[in-house]
Amino acid sequence: MSPDNRQHRGPHPSDGRLFDARQQGALRDATRELSWLLTNGYSTKSALKLVGDRHSLTERQRLAVARAACSDESLEARRARRLPVEAARDQHLIIDGFNLIITMEAALSGGLVILCRDDCLRDLSGVHGSYRSVEETERAVQMTGEALAHLAPASVRWLLDKPISNSGRLAQRVRDLAQEHAWPWTVEVVFNPDAEISASAETIAVTSDSSILDRAARWINLNEYLIDKYLPQAWVVDLRS
């Protein structure tokens, strides 16, 4: 595999065509159909193939639909445990670091962001075991810090995936920015952030990761807040029905 030498986490060269207005109706239909199949017990793999083949979707379109869809049961549970971002005041937050930063990097660099059935915003990037900072990385962290300073949580604990290369370097960068601005953050590199975030009943989770949202006791939709507040020009494609 060749090294990742990108300076931005911007759009894929084919995204303009694959996600233009002419494609969005079919993509919303596919998201609705996949959600119905998941609700009725179909496996994600077989259901996605069925829906993708029916609408002649490319692999990248299928990825978007898979990230946008969820079963009715998951949707109801996520909504029930979601708190307004203002509920962060004086509370303890735990942040899924790569999940948040990569989505913000994509939005800042003009990359595609999907508005999903559960109202979360998700990008189509993938680090695949290796992460490389881009020009938007520092701004993504600073933007998050400005927002959290306004929301005023009691503490913020960032978790980054130790198995992903360069996680230690990113962690130090986040620590440095926190120290520079006197933000009440700790930053840790751990083997399984998903499990720690999911099991942390005393904190509020900050993530759009579906598997965590299905298990977390409480969560806030910080991605949505950041893009609404700071990036109204971001390229957001709504795949909700």
Protein backbone atom coordinates (compact mmCIF):
# COMPACT_ATOMS: atom_id res chain seq x y z
CA MET A 1 0.00 0.00 0.00
CA SER A 2 1.39 3.41 -0.93
CA PRO A 3 1.85 6.00 1.83
CA ASP A 4 -0.92 8.51 2.49
CA ASN A 5 0.54 11.81 1.30
CA ARG A 6 -2.68 13.83 1.21
CA GLN A 7 -2.57 17.39 2.52
CA HIS A 8 -6.37 17.58 2.80
CA ARG A 9 -9.17 15.14 3.59
CA GLY A 10 -11.29 16.54 0.79
CA PRO A 11 -13.76 14.97 -1.62
CA HIS A 12 -13.07 11.81 -3.57
CA PRO A 13 -12.65 12.65 -7.28
CA SER A 14 -15.93 10.90 -8.15
CA ASP A 15 -18.05 12.31 -5.31
CA GLY A 16 -19.36 15.25 -7.30
CA ARG A 17 -20.94 12.83 -9.75
CA LEU A 18 -21.94 10.08 -7.32
CA PHE A 19 -23.69 12.39 -4.87
CA ASP A 20 -25.10 15.16 -7.05
CA ALA A 21 -28.78 16.14 -6.89
CA ARG A 22 -29.73 13.60 -9.58
CA GLN A 23 -28.41 10.73 -7.45
CA GLN A 24 -29.78 11.77 -4.09
CA GLY A 25 -33.34 10.52 -4.58
CA ALA A 26 -32.13 6.98 -5.27
CA LEU A 27 -29.69 7.18 -2.37
CA ARG A 28 -32.45 8.24 0.02
CA ASP A 29 -34.66 5.43 -1.27
CA ALA A 30 -31.81 2.97 -0.75
CA THR A 31 -31.25 4.25 2.79
CA ARG A 32 -34.94 3.84 3.60
CA GLU A 33 -35.03 0.34 2.13
CA LEU A 34 -31.86 -0.75 3.92
CA SER A 35 -33.25 0.58 7.20
CA TRP A 36 -36.44 -1.45 6.66
CA LEU A 37 -34.46 -4.60 5.97
CA LEU A 38 -32.32 -4.07 9.09
CA THR A 39 -35.48 -3.51 11.12
CA ASN A 40 -36.79 -6.84 9.87
CA GLY A 41 -33.74 -8.83 10.83
CA TYR A 42 -31.68 -8.95 7.63
CA SER A 43 -27.91 -8.92 8.05
CA THR A 44 -26.20 -5.71 7.00
CA LYS A 45 -24.08 -7.45 4.36
CA SER A 46 -26.91 -9.24 2.57
CA ALA A 47 -29.32 -6.31 2.90
CA LEU A 48 -26.78 -3.84 1.52
CA LYS A 49 -26.10 -6.09 -1.47
CA LEU A 50 -29.80 -6.41 -2.16
CA VAL A 51 -30.42 -2.67 -2.01
CA GLY A 52 -27.19 -1.74 -3.77
CA ASP A 53 -27.87 -4.10 -6.66
CA ARG A 54 -31.46 -2.89 -6.96
CA HIS A 55 -30.33 0.72 -7.35
CA SER A 56 -27.08 -0.07 -9.22
CA LEU A 57 -25.02 1.72 -6.59
CA THR A 58 -21.23 1.97 -6.68
CA GLU A 59 -19.14 0.80 -3.73
CA ARG A 60 -18.78 4.36 -2.45
CA GLN A 61 -22.51 4.99 -2.69
CA ARG A 62 -23.13 1.73 -0.83
CA LEU A 63 -20.76 2.89 1.90
CA ALA A 64 -22.73 6.11 2.27
CA VAL A 65 -26.04 4.27 2.43
CA ALA A 66 -24.66 1.79 4.98
CA ARG A 67 -23.50 4.65 7.21
CA ALA A 68 -26.79 6.52 6.82
CA ALA A 69 -29.17 3.63 7.54
CA CYS A 70 -30.16 2.05 10.84
CA SER A 71 -32.97 -0.11 12.15
CA ASP A 72 -36.04 1.40 13.82
CA GLU A 73 -34.93 -0.12 17.12
CA SER A 74 -31.50 1.53 16.92
CA LEU A 75 -33.05 4.83 15.86
CA GLU A 76 -35.46 4.92 18.80
CA ALA A 77 -32.77 3.91 21.30
CA ARG A 78 -30.29 6.50 20.04
CA ARG A 79 -32.89 9.25 20.17
CA ALA A 80 -33.90 8.27 23.69
CA ARG A 81 -30.32 8.52 24.98
CA ARG A 82 -29.34 11.66 23.08
CA LEU A 83 -28.93 14.83 25.12
CA PRO A 84 -28.89 18.40 23.81
CA VAL A 85 -25.35 19.74 23.55
CA GLU A 86 -26.18 22.31 26.23
CA ALA A 87 -26.45 19.39 28.69
CA ALA A 88 -22.65 19.17 28.56
CA ARG A 89 -22.33 22.07 31.01
CA ASP A 90 -20.60 20.95 34.22
CA GLN A 91 -20.63 17.33 33.00
CA HIS A 92 -17.78 14.97 32.12
CA LEU A 93 -17.37 14.23 28.41
CA ILE A 94 -15.55 11.35 26.74
CA ILE A 95 -14.61 11.94 23.09
CA ASP A 96 -14.07 9.38 20.35
CA GLY A 97 -11.06 11.32 19.06
CA PHE A 98 -10.48 9.99 15.56
CA ASN A 99 -14.21 9.87 14.87
CA LEU A 100 -14.63 13.55 15.67
CA ILE A 101 -11.42 14.91 14.18
CA ILE A 102 -11.64 13.08 10.85
CA THR A 103 -15.22 14.20 10.25
CA MET A 104 -14.26 17.79 10.97
CA GLU A 105 -11.19 17.54 8.73
CA ALA A 106 -13.41 16.31 5.90
CA ALA A 107 -15.95 19.09 6.41
CA LEU A 108 -13.26 21.78 6.61
CA SER A 109 -11.62 20.63 3.37
CA GLY A 110 -14.83 20.44 1.32
CA GLY A 111 -15.25 16.69 1.67
CA LEU A 112 -18.59 14.94 1.62
CA VAL A 113 -20.47 14.60 4.91
CA ILE A 114 -23.61 12.48 5.12
CA LEU A 115 -26.62 13.47 7.24
CA CYS A 116 -27.84 10.10 8.44
CA ARG A 117 -31.14 8.67 9.60
CA ASP A 118 -30.22 9.15 13.27
CA ASP A 119 -29.34 12.83 12.57
CA CYS A 120 -25.63 12.16 12.95
CA LEU A 121 -23.14 13.52 10.44
CA ARG A 122 -20.65 10.98 9.10
CA ASP A 123 -17.84 11.26 6.58
CA LEU A 124 -16.73 8.60 4.10
CA SER A 125 -13.07 8.68 5.08
CA GLY A 126 -11.29 5.63 6.40
CA VAL A 127 -7.96 5.48 8.19
CA HIS A 128 -7.56 1.68 7.78
CA GLY A 129 -5.01 1.40 10.57
CA SER A 130 -2.99 4.46 9.55
CA TYR A 131 -3.68 8.13 10.22
CA ARG A 132 -1.90 11.13 8.75
CA SER A 133 -2.58 14.70 9.85
CA VAL A 134 -3.72 17.11 7.15
CA GLU A 135 -3.73 20.88 6.91
CA GLU A 136 -7.16 21.04 8.56
CA THR A 137 -6.25 18.94 11.60
CA GLU A 138 -5.27 21.77 13.91
CA ARG A 139 -8.29 23.85 12.93
CA ALA A 140 -10.55 20.86 13.60
CA VAL A 141 -9.19 20.57 17.14
CA GLN A 142 -9.27 24.34 17.73
CA MET A 143 -12.87 24.56 16.50
CA THR A 144 -13.82 21.76 18.88
CA GLY A 145 -12.03 23.54 21.71
CA GLU A 146 -13.82 26.83 21.05
CA ALA A 147 -17.17 25.07 21.05
CA LEU A 148 -16.44 23.12 24.22
CA ALA A 149 -15.21 26.27 25.96
CA HIS A 150 -18.64 27.76 25.26
CA LEU A 151 -20.49 24.60 26.36
CA ALA A 152 -18.37 24.50 29.57
CA PRO A 153 -18.15 20.82 30.55
CA ALA A 154 -16.40 20.02 33.83
CA SER A 155 -13.84 17.88 32.02
CA VAL A 156 -13.10 16.38 28.63
CA ARG A 157 -11.35 13.06 28.14
CA TRP A 158 -10.14 12.34 24.61
CA LEU A 159 -9.48 8.74 23.57
CA LEU A 160 -7.46 7.79 20.49
CA ASP A 161 -6.95 4.29 19.08
CA LYS A 162 -3.49 2.97 19.95
CA PRO A 163 -3.45 0.42 17.05
CA ILE A 164 -3.74 3.28 14.52
CA SER A 165 -0.34 4.61 13.50
CA ASN A 166 0.49 8.21 14.44
CA SER A 167 -2.14 8.19 17.21
CA GLY A 168 0.53 9.16 19.75
CA ARG A 169 1.63 12.09 17.62
CA LEU A 170 -1.95 13.33 17.24
CA ALA A 171 -2.54 12.90 20.98
CA GLN A 172 0.43 15.14 21.75
CA ARG A 173 -0.81 17.74 19.30
CA VAL A 174 -4.21 17.80 21.02
CA ARG A 175 -2.52 18.03 24.45
CA ASP A 176 -0.39 20.96 23.30
CA LEU A 177 -3.41 22.87 22.03
CA ALA A 178 -5.31 22.16 25.24
CA GLN A 179 -2.41 23.43 27.34
CA GLU A 180 -2.04 26.53 25.17
CA HIS A 181 -5.71 27.44 25.67
CA ALA A 182 -6.10 26.12 29.24
CA TRP A 183 -8.82 23.69 28.19
CA PRO A 184 -9.62 21.05 30.88
CA TRP A 185 -8.71 18.08 28.69
CA THR A 186 -6.90 14.83 29.11
CA VAL A 187 -5.81 12.86 26.05
CA GLU A 188 -5.15 9.12 26.14
CA VAL A 189 -4.09 6.55 23.58
CA VAL A 190 -5.80 3.25 24.37
CA PHE A 191 -6.27 -0.09 22.65
CA ASN A 192 -10.07 -0.09 22.52
CA PRO A 193 -11.69 3.35 22.82
CA ASP A 194 -15.06 2.02 21.64
CA ALA A 195 -15.38 -0.32 24.61
CA GLU A 196 -14.31 2.34 27.12
CA ILE A 197 -16.69 4.95 25.72
CA SER A 198 -19.60 2.50 25.57
CA ALA A 199 -19.08 1.33 29.14
CA SER A 200 -18.61 4.78 30.67
CA ALA A 201 -22.00 5.39 32.32
CA GLU A 202 -20.84 8.41 34.32
CA THR A 203 -19.77 10.44 31.28
CA ILE A 204 -21.45 11.76 28.15
CA ALA A 205 -20.16 10.23 24.93
CA VAL A 206 -19.12 12.40 21.98
CA THR A 207 -19.19 10.24 18.86
CA SER A 208 -21.15 9.39 15.73
CA ASP A 209 -19.94 5.78 15.68
CA SER A 210 -23.04 3.60 15.32
CA SER A 211 -21.72 0.73 17.40
CA ILE A 212 -20.96 3.06 20.31
CA LEU A 213 -24.27 4.90 20.04
CA ASP A 214 -26.12 1.60 20.34
CA ARG A 215 -24.46 1.02 23.74
CA ALA A 216 -23.66 4.42 25.25
CA ALA A 217 -25.81 5.52 28.18
CA ARG A 218 -25.81 9.19 27.10
CA TRP A 219 -24.41 11.07 24.12
CA ILE A 220 -24.40 14.45 22.41
CA ASN A 221 -24.29 15.21 18.70
CA LEU A 222 -21.26 17.49 18.71
CA ASN A 223 -20.52 17.01 14.99
CA GLU A 224 -23.90 18.51 14.13
CA TYR A 225 -23.34 21.41 16.50
CA LEU A 226 -19.87 22.18 15.11
CA ILE A 227 -20.97 22.14 11.48
CA ASP A 228 -24.10 24.20 12.15
CA LYS A 229 -22.15 26.77 14.16
CA TYR A 230 -18.85 27.04 12.29
CA LEU A 231 -19.28 25.41 8.87
CA PRO A 232 -22.70 26.22 7.39
CA GLN A 233 -21.06 26.02 3.95
CA ALA A 234 -19.97 22.39 4.46
CA TRP A 235 -20.98 19.88 1.80
CA VAL A 236 -23.71 17.94 3.60
CA VAL A 237 -25.86 15.44 1.71
CA ASP A 238 -29.09 14.55 3.53
CA LEU A 239 -29.95 10.86 3.08
CA ARG A 240 -32.85 10.85 5.49
CA SER A 241 -36.25 9.96 4.08
